[in-house]
N, C-alpha and C. Protein backbone atom coordinates (compact mmCIF):
# COMPACT_ATOMS: atom_id res chain seq x y z
N MET A 1 -20.59 11.95 10.65
CA MET A 1 -19.77 10.82 11.06
C MET A 1 -18.80 10.45 9.94
N ILE A 2 -17.76 9.76 10.29
CA ILE A 2 -16.75 9.30 9.33
C ILE A 2 -17.37 8.19 8.48
N THR A 3 -17.16 8.24 7.16
CA THR A 3 -17.75 7.24 6.27
C THR A 3 -16.72 6.40 5.52
N ALA A 4 -15.50 6.91 5.35
CA ALA A 4 -14.48 6.18 4.58
C ALA A 4 -13.14 6.87 4.74
N ILE A 5 -12.09 6.20 4.29
CA ILE A 5 -10.77 6.81 4.18
C ILE A 5 -10.64 7.30 2.74
N ASP A 6 -10.34 8.59 2.56
CA ASP A 6 -10.17 9.13 1.22
C ASP A 6 -8.81 8.77 0.65
N HIS A 7 -7.75 8.96 1.43
CA HIS A 7 -6.40 8.59 1.01
C HIS A 7 -5.54 8.45 2.25
N ILE A 8 -4.41 7.83 2.08
CA ILE A 8 -3.40 7.79 3.13
C ILE A 8 -2.12 8.36 2.54
N VAL A 9 -1.18 8.69 3.40
CA VAL A 9 0.11 9.23 2.95
C VAL A 9 1.20 8.27 3.38
N LEU A 10 2.06 7.94 2.45
CA LEU A 10 3.19 7.06 2.69
C LEU A 10 4.46 7.89 2.56
N THR A 11 5.28 7.91 3.61
CA THR A 11 6.55 8.63 3.57
C THR A 11 7.62 7.68 3.04
N SER A 12 8.40 8.16 2.07
CA SER A 12 9.37 7.30 1.41
C SER A 12 10.76 7.92 1.38
N ALA A 13 11.78 7.10 1.64
CA ALA A 13 13.17 7.55 1.54
C ALA A 13 13.58 7.71 0.08
N ASP A 14 12.99 6.92 -0.82
CA ASP A 14 13.29 6.98 -2.25
C ASP A 14 11.99 6.82 -3.02
N VAL A 15 11.41 7.93 -3.42
CA VAL A 15 10.09 7.93 -4.05
C VAL A 15 10.10 7.11 -5.34
N ASP A 16 11.16 7.18 -6.12
CA ASP A 16 11.21 6.41 -7.37
C ASP A 16 11.16 4.91 -7.12
N LYS A 17 11.88 4.43 -6.12
CA LYS A 17 11.84 3.00 -5.77
C LYS A 17 10.45 2.62 -5.27
N THR A 18 9.84 3.49 -4.49
CA THR A 18 8.49 3.24 -3.97
C THR A 18 7.49 3.13 -5.12
N VAL A 19 7.54 4.08 -6.05
CA VAL A 19 6.64 4.06 -7.21
C VAL A 19 6.85 2.77 -8.00
N SER A 20 8.09 2.39 -8.22
CA SER A 20 8.38 1.17 -8.98
C SER A 20 7.79 -0.05 -8.29
N PHE A 21 7.96 -0.19 -7.00
CA PHE A 21 7.42 -1.34 -6.27
C PHE A 21 5.91 -1.39 -6.36
N TYR A 22 5.25 -0.30 -6.02
CA TYR A 22 3.79 -0.31 -5.97
C TYR A 22 3.16 -0.43 -7.36
N CYS A 23 3.82 0.11 -8.38
CA CYS A 23 3.28 0.02 -9.75
C CYS A 23 3.69 -1.29 -10.43
N ASP A 24 4.99 -1.60 -10.43
CA ASP A 24 5.49 -2.77 -11.16
C ASP A 24 5.18 -4.09 -10.46
N VAL A 25 5.27 -4.11 -9.14
CA VAL A 25 5.05 -5.35 -8.39
C VAL A 25 3.58 -5.52 -8.01
N LEU A 26 2.97 -4.46 -7.46
CA LEU A 26 1.60 -4.58 -6.97
C LEU A 26 0.55 -4.17 -8.01
N GLY A 27 0.97 -3.57 -9.10
CA GLY A 27 0.04 -3.24 -10.18
C GLY A 27 -0.77 -1.96 -9.99
N MET A 28 -0.35 -1.09 -9.09
CA MET A 28 -1.05 0.19 -8.93
C MET A 28 -0.70 1.12 -10.09
N GLU A 29 -1.44 2.20 -10.21
CA GLU A 29 -1.19 3.18 -11.27
C GLU A 29 -0.67 4.48 -10.66
N LEU A 30 0.35 5.04 -11.29
CA LEU A 30 0.90 6.32 -10.85
C LEU A 30 0.01 7.45 -11.32
N GLN A 31 -0.29 8.37 -10.42
CA GLN A 31 -1.02 9.59 -10.76
C GLN A 31 -0.15 10.76 -10.33
N VAL A 32 0.08 11.70 -11.23
CA VAL A 32 0.77 12.94 -10.89
C VAL A 32 -0.30 14.01 -10.83
N PHE A 33 -0.31 14.76 -9.74
CA PHE A 33 -1.35 15.78 -9.58
C PHE A 33 -0.75 17.07 -9.04
N ALA A 34 -1.38 18.18 -9.37
CA ALA A 34 -0.95 19.49 -8.90
C ALA A 34 -1.85 19.91 -7.74
N PRO A 35 -1.28 20.13 -6.57
CA PRO A 35 -2.09 20.59 -5.44
C PRO A 35 -2.74 21.94 -5.77
N PRO A 36 -3.93 22.20 -5.23
CA PRO A 36 -4.63 23.45 -5.52
C PRO A 36 -3.92 24.70 -5.00
N ASP A 37 -2.97 24.53 -4.06
CA ASP A 37 -2.27 25.70 -3.51
C ASP A 37 -1.10 26.16 -4.37
N GLY A 38 -0.88 25.51 -5.52
CA GLY A 38 0.20 25.92 -6.42
C GLY A 38 1.55 25.30 -6.11
N SER A 39 1.63 24.42 -5.09
CA SER A 39 2.90 23.76 -4.80
C SER A 39 3.28 22.83 -5.95
N PRO A 40 4.53 22.37 -5.96
CA PRO A 40 4.97 21.48 -7.03
C PRO A 40 4.10 20.22 -7.15
N ALA A 41 4.09 19.65 -8.34
CA ALA A 41 3.32 18.43 -8.59
C ALA A 41 3.72 17.33 -7.62
N ARG A 42 2.75 16.49 -7.29
CA ARG A 42 2.97 15.38 -6.37
C ARG A 42 2.61 14.08 -7.04
N ARG A 43 3.03 12.97 -6.42
CA ARG A 43 2.73 11.65 -6.96
C ARG A 43 1.86 10.86 -5.99
N ALA A 44 0.99 10.05 -6.58
CA ALA A 44 0.11 9.19 -5.80
C ALA A 44 0.01 7.84 -6.50
N LEU A 45 -0.29 6.83 -5.72
CA LEU A 45 -0.50 5.47 -6.21
C LEU A 45 -1.99 5.19 -6.15
N CYS A 46 -2.58 4.82 -7.29
CA CYS A 46 -4.02 4.62 -7.36
C CYS A 46 -4.36 3.17 -7.65
N PHE A 47 -5.44 2.71 -7.03
CA PHE A 47 -5.96 1.36 -7.25
C PHE A 47 -7.41 1.37 -6.82
N GLY A 48 -8.29 0.78 -7.64
CA GLY A 48 -9.72 0.82 -7.33
C GLY A 48 -10.15 2.26 -7.13
N ASN A 49 -10.84 2.52 -6.04
CA ASN A 49 -11.24 3.89 -5.70
C ASN A 49 -10.35 4.46 -4.60
N GLN A 50 -9.14 3.93 -4.47
CA GLN A 50 -8.25 4.31 -3.38
C GLN A 50 -7.03 5.07 -3.92
N LYS A 51 -6.37 5.79 -3.01
CA LYS A 51 -5.19 6.54 -3.39
C LYS A 51 -4.22 6.60 -2.22
N ILE A 52 -2.95 6.41 -2.51
CA ILE A 52 -1.88 6.58 -1.53
C ILE A 52 -1.01 7.72 -2.04
N ASN A 53 -0.98 8.85 -1.32
CA ASN A 53 -0.08 9.94 -1.68
C ASN A 53 1.31 9.60 -1.15
N ILE A 54 2.32 10.00 -1.88
CA ILE A 54 3.70 9.72 -1.47
C ILE A 54 4.38 11.03 -1.09
N HIS A 55 4.97 11.04 0.11
CA HIS A 55 5.80 12.17 0.56
C HIS A 55 7.24 11.70 0.58
N ALA A 56 8.13 12.55 0.10
CA ALA A 56 9.56 12.26 0.24
C ALA A 56 9.96 12.53 1.69
N GLU A 57 10.65 11.58 2.30
CA GLU A 57 11.07 11.74 3.69
C GLU A 57 11.92 12.99 3.87
N SER A 58 12.74 13.32 2.87
CA SER A 58 13.65 14.47 2.98
C SER A 58 12.92 15.80 2.84
N ALA A 59 11.71 15.81 2.26
CA ALA A 59 10.97 17.06 2.07
C ALA A 59 9.47 16.77 2.05
N PRO A 60 8.90 16.37 3.20
CA PRO A 60 7.47 16.04 3.21
C PRO A 60 6.61 17.25 2.91
N TYR A 61 5.50 16.99 2.26
CA TYR A 61 4.52 18.02 1.93
C TYR A 61 3.88 18.53 3.22
N VAL A 62 3.67 19.82 3.33
CA VAL A 62 3.10 20.43 4.53
C VAL A 62 1.59 20.58 4.34
N PRO A 63 0.79 20.21 5.35
CA PRO A 63 1.16 19.64 6.64
C PRO A 63 1.49 18.16 6.51
N HIS A 64 2.17 17.65 7.52
CA HIS A 64 2.54 16.24 7.51
C HIS A 64 2.49 15.67 8.92
N ALA A 65 2.67 14.36 9.00
CA ALA A 65 2.69 13.70 10.31
C ALA A 65 3.76 14.33 11.19
N ARG A 66 3.60 14.20 12.47
CA ARG A 66 4.57 14.79 13.40
C ARG A 66 5.97 14.26 13.14
N GLN A 67 6.10 12.97 12.86
CA GLN A 67 7.39 12.37 12.56
C GLN A 67 7.30 11.59 11.26
N PRO A 68 7.39 12.27 10.11
CA PRO A 68 7.25 11.59 8.82
C PRO A 68 8.49 10.76 8.50
N ILE A 69 8.43 9.48 8.83
CA ILE A 69 9.57 8.59 8.59
C ILE A 69 9.15 7.44 7.67
N SER A 70 10.10 6.94 6.96
CA SER A 70 9.82 5.80 6.09
C SER A 70 9.91 4.50 6.88
N GLY A 71 9.17 3.51 6.43
CA GLY A 71 9.25 2.18 7.03
C GLY A 71 8.40 1.96 8.26
N ALA A 72 7.48 2.87 8.58
CA ALA A 72 6.69 2.76 9.81
C ALA A 72 5.24 2.36 9.56
N VAL A 73 4.92 1.94 8.33
CA VAL A 73 3.54 1.66 7.97
C VAL A 73 3.30 0.16 7.82
N ASP A 74 2.10 -0.26 8.16
CA ASP A 74 1.64 -1.64 8.00
C ASP A 74 0.29 -1.55 7.28
N LEU A 75 0.25 -1.95 6.00
CA LEU A 75 -0.96 -1.84 5.18
C LEU A 75 -1.50 -3.22 4.85
N CYS A 76 -2.82 -3.34 4.85
CA CYS A 76 -3.49 -4.55 4.36
C CYS A 76 -4.24 -4.18 3.09
N LEU A 77 -3.92 -4.83 1.99
CA LEU A 77 -4.54 -4.56 0.69
C LEU A 77 -5.33 -5.79 0.26
N LEU A 78 -6.60 -5.58 -0.10
CA LEU A 78 -7.44 -6.69 -0.55
C LEU A 78 -7.23 -6.93 -2.04
N SER A 79 -7.25 -8.20 -2.43
CA SER A 79 -7.06 -8.57 -3.83
C SER A 79 -7.99 -9.72 -4.19
N ASP A 80 -8.47 -9.73 -5.44
CA ASP A 80 -9.21 -10.90 -5.89
C ASP A 80 -8.31 -11.85 -6.67
N LEU A 81 -7.04 -11.50 -6.84
CA LEU A 81 -6.06 -12.42 -7.42
C LEU A 81 -5.68 -13.43 -6.32
N PRO A 82 -5.74 -14.74 -6.62
CA PRO A 82 -5.41 -15.73 -5.59
C PRO A 82 -4.00 -15.53 -5.02
N LEU A 83 -3.84 -15.85 -3.74
CA LEU A 83 -2.55 -15.66 -3.08
C LEU A 83 -1.43 -16.46 -3.75
N ALA A 84 -1.77 -17.63 -4.30
CA ALA A 84 -0.73 -18.42 -5.00
C ALA A 84 -0.18 -17.62 -6.18
N ALA A 85 -1.03 -16.89 -6.87
CA ALA A 85 -0.57 -16.05 -7.99
C ALA A 85 0.30 -14.91 -7.48
N TRP A 86 -0.06 -14.35 -6.33
CA TRP A 86 0.78 -13.31 -5.73
C TRP A 86 2.14 -13.87 -5.35
N GLN A 87 2.17 -15.07 -4.78
CA GLN A 87 3.44 -15.67 -4.40
C GLN A 87 4.32 -15.89 -5.63
N GLU A 88 3.73 -16.33 -6.74
CA GLU A 88 4.48 -16.49 -7.98
C GLU A 88 4.99 -15.15 -8.48
N ARG A 89 4.15 -14.14 -8.42
CA ARG A 89 4.54 -12.79 -8.87
C ARG A 89 5.70 -12.26 -8.03
N PHE A 90 5.59 -12.40 -6.71
CA PHE A 90 6.66 -11.93 -5.84
C PHE A 90 7.97 -12.67 -6.14
N ALA A 91 7.90 -13.97 -6.32
CA ALA A 91 9.10 -14.75 -6.63
C ALA A 91 9.71 -14.28 -7.95
N ALA A 92 8.89 -14.06 -8.96
CA ALA A 92 9.38 -13.61 -10.27
C ALA A 92 10.02 -12.22 -10.19
N GLN A 93 9.54 -11.38 -9.27
CA GLN A 93 10.07 -10.02 -9.12
C GLN A 93 11.21 -9.95 -8.10
N GLY A 94 11.55 -11.08 -7.48
CA GLY A 94 12.61 -11.10 -6.48
C GLY A 94 12.22 -10.45 -5.16
N VAL A 95 10.92 -10.47 -4.85
CA VAL A 95 10.42 -9.90 -3.60
C VAL A 95 10.20 -11.04 -2.62
N PRO A 96 11.01 -11.11 -1.55
CA PRO A 96 10.86 -12.23 -0.62
C PRO A 96 9.56 -12.16 0.18
N LEU A 97 8.97 -13.32 0.39
CA LEU A 97 7.78 -13.42 1.22
C LEU A 97 8.21 -13.29 2.68
N GLU A 98 7.57 -12.41 3.40
CA GLU A 98 7.88 -12.16 4.81
C GLU A 98 7.16 -13.17 5.71
N HIS A 99 5.89 -13.50 5.33
CA HIS A 99 5.08 -14.36 6.19
C HIS A 99 3.86 -14.83 5.41
N GLY A 100 3.38 -16.01 5.73
CA GLY A 100 2.12 -16.48 5.16
C GLY A 100 2.32 -17.55 4.10
N PRO A 101 1.21 -18.01 3.57
CA PRO A 101 -0.18 -17.62 3.81
C PRO A 101 -0.62 -17.97 5.23
N VAL A 102 -1.46 -17.08 5.76
CA VAL A 102 -1.93 -17.23 7.12
C VAL A 102 -3.33 -16.63 7.23
N ALA A 103 -4.16 -17.23 8.08
CA ALA A 103 -5.52 -16.74 8.31
C ALA A 103 -5.47 -15.50 9.21
N LYS A 104 -6.25 -14.49 8.84
CA LYS A 104 -6.33 -13.24 9.61
C LYS A 104 -7.78 -12.79 9.67
N THR A 105 -8.04 -11.75 10.43
CA THR A 105 -9.38 -11.16 10.50
C THR A 105 -9.29 -9.73 10.00
N GLY A 106 -10.07 -9.41 8.97
CA GLY A 106 -10.10 -8.06 8.42
C GLY A 106 -11.30 -7.28 8.90
N ALA A 107 -11.48 -6.08 8.36
CA ALA A 107 -12.59 -5.21 8.75
C ALA A 107 -13.94 -5.82 8.43
N MET A 108 -14.00 -6.64 7.37
CA MET A 108 -15.28 -7.21 6.94
C MET A 108 -15.36 -8.72 7.18
N GLY A 109 -14.38 -9.29 7.86
CA GLY A 109 -14.44 -10.71 8.16
C GLY A 109 -13.12 -11.42 7.91
N PRO A 110 -13.15 -12.75 7.76
CA PRO A 110 -11.93 -13.53 7.65
C PRO A 110 -11.18 -13.30 6.34
N LEU A 111 -9.86 -13.36 6.47
CA LEU A 111 -8.94 -13.17 5.34
C LEU A 111 -7.93 -14.30 5.31
N MET A 112 -7.33 -14.51 4.16
CA MET A 112 -6.13 -15.32 4.03
C MET A 112 -5.09 -14.35 3.46
N SER A 113 -3.91 -14.27 4.10
CA SER A 113 -2.95 -13.22 3.78
C SER A 113 -1.53 -13.72 3.58
N VAL A 114 -0.79 -12.97 2.77
CA VAL A 114 0.67 -13.10 2.67
C VAL A 114 1.25 -11.71 2.92
N TYR A 115 2.50 -11.69 3.37
CA TYR A 115 3.15 -10.43 3.74
C TYR A 115 4.47 -10.28 3.00
N VAL A 116 4.74 -9.07 2.54
CA VAL A 116 6.03 -8.70 1.94
C VAL A 116 6.41 -7.33 2.52
N ARG A 117 7.59 -6.87 2.18
CA ARG A 117 8.03 -5.52 2.59
C ARG A 117 8.30 -4.70 1.34
N ASP A 118 7.95 -3.42 1.40
CA ASP A 118 8.25 -2.52 0.28
C ASP A 118 9.69 -2.02 0.43
N PRO A 119 10.20 -1.22 -0.50
CA PRO A 119 11.60 -0.78 -0.42
C PRO A 119 11.97 -0.02 0.85
N ASP A 120 10.99 0.60 1.52
CA ASP A 120 11.27 1.31 2.77
C ASP A 120 11.16 0.41 4.00
N GLY A 121 10.73 -0.84 3.81
CA GLY A 121 10.56 -1.76 4.93
C GLY A 121 9.16 -1.76 5.50
N ASN A 122 8.22 -1.01 4.89
CA ASN A 122 6.83 -1.07 5.33
C ASN A 122 6.30 -2.48 5.13
N LEU A 123 5.47 -2.94 6.05
CA LEU A 123 4.88 -4.27 5.95
C LEU A 123 3.63 -4.19 5.09
N ILE A 124 3.60 -4.97 4.02
CA ILE A 124 2.47 -4.96 3.09
C ILE A 124 1.80 -6.34 3.13
N GLU A 125 0.56 -6.35 3.57
CA GLU A 125 -0.25 -7.57 3.64
C GLU A 125 -1.17 -7.59 2.42
N ILE A 126 -1.09 -8.67 1.65
CA ILE A 126 -1.99 -8.87 0.52
C ILE A 126 -2.96 -9.95 0.95
N SER A 127 -4.27 -9.65 0.87
CA SER A 127 -5.27 -10.55 1.42
C SER A 127 -6.38 -10.87 0.44
N ASN A 128 -6.87 -12.10 0.56
CA ASN A 128 -8.10 -12.52 -0.10
C ASN A 128 -9.17 -12.62 0.97
N GLN A 129 -10.35 -12.02 0.72
CA GLN A 129 -11.47 -12.18 1.63
C GLN A 129 -12.01 -13.59 1.48
N LEU A 130 -12.33 -14.20 2.60
CA LEU A 130 -12.91 -15.54 2.56
C LEU A 130 -14.43 -15.43 2.46
N ALA A 131 -15.09 -16.53 2.15
CA ALA A 131 -16.52 -16.55 1.82
C ALA A 131 -17.41 -15.83 2.83
N THR A 132 -17.18 -15.97 4.09
CA THR A 132 -18.03 -15.32 5.08
C THR A 132 -17.43 -13.96 5.40
N ASN A 133 -17.75 -12.97 4.59
CA ASN A 133 -17.13 -11.65 4.75
C ASN A 133 -18.10 -10.65 5.39
N ARG A 134 -18.64 -11.01 6.52
CA ARG A 134 -19.50 -10.10 7.28
C ARG A 134 -18.80 -9.73 8.58
N ARG A 135 -19.07 -8.52 9.02
CA ARG A 135 -18.47 -8.10 10.31
C ARG A 135 -19.03 -8.97 11.42
N GLY A 136 -18.12 -9.34 12.33
CA GLY A 136 -18.57 -10.22 13.39
C GLY A 136 -18.72 -9.58 14.70
């Protein structure tokens, strides 16, 4: 049976802008790795035990989604940094708040979330888990 998501792939129109947003604004770490098949080095965004591989829209890594386009993703990222601190960080970085704070329901229970967009227009939800974080 399926136990977890190992990684996801984000298609980007401008990989450098994407790396800058996710590393400089969201605090992820860039990882450069060489695929075992000998293809050119690739980039990934790492945080916790998670990884987001980045594909350039103009030359996606094979195999890829049927229609690898930028701006079609909606991600929810959990954080233990309070949302007020995220709002301050976004304001300082010139990243407009799209929506929130607003109550939502996550995989493990209730969340409080704010939303921004990355350089490709993907919707990025930053969430704090609320005290009752059990599946309902």
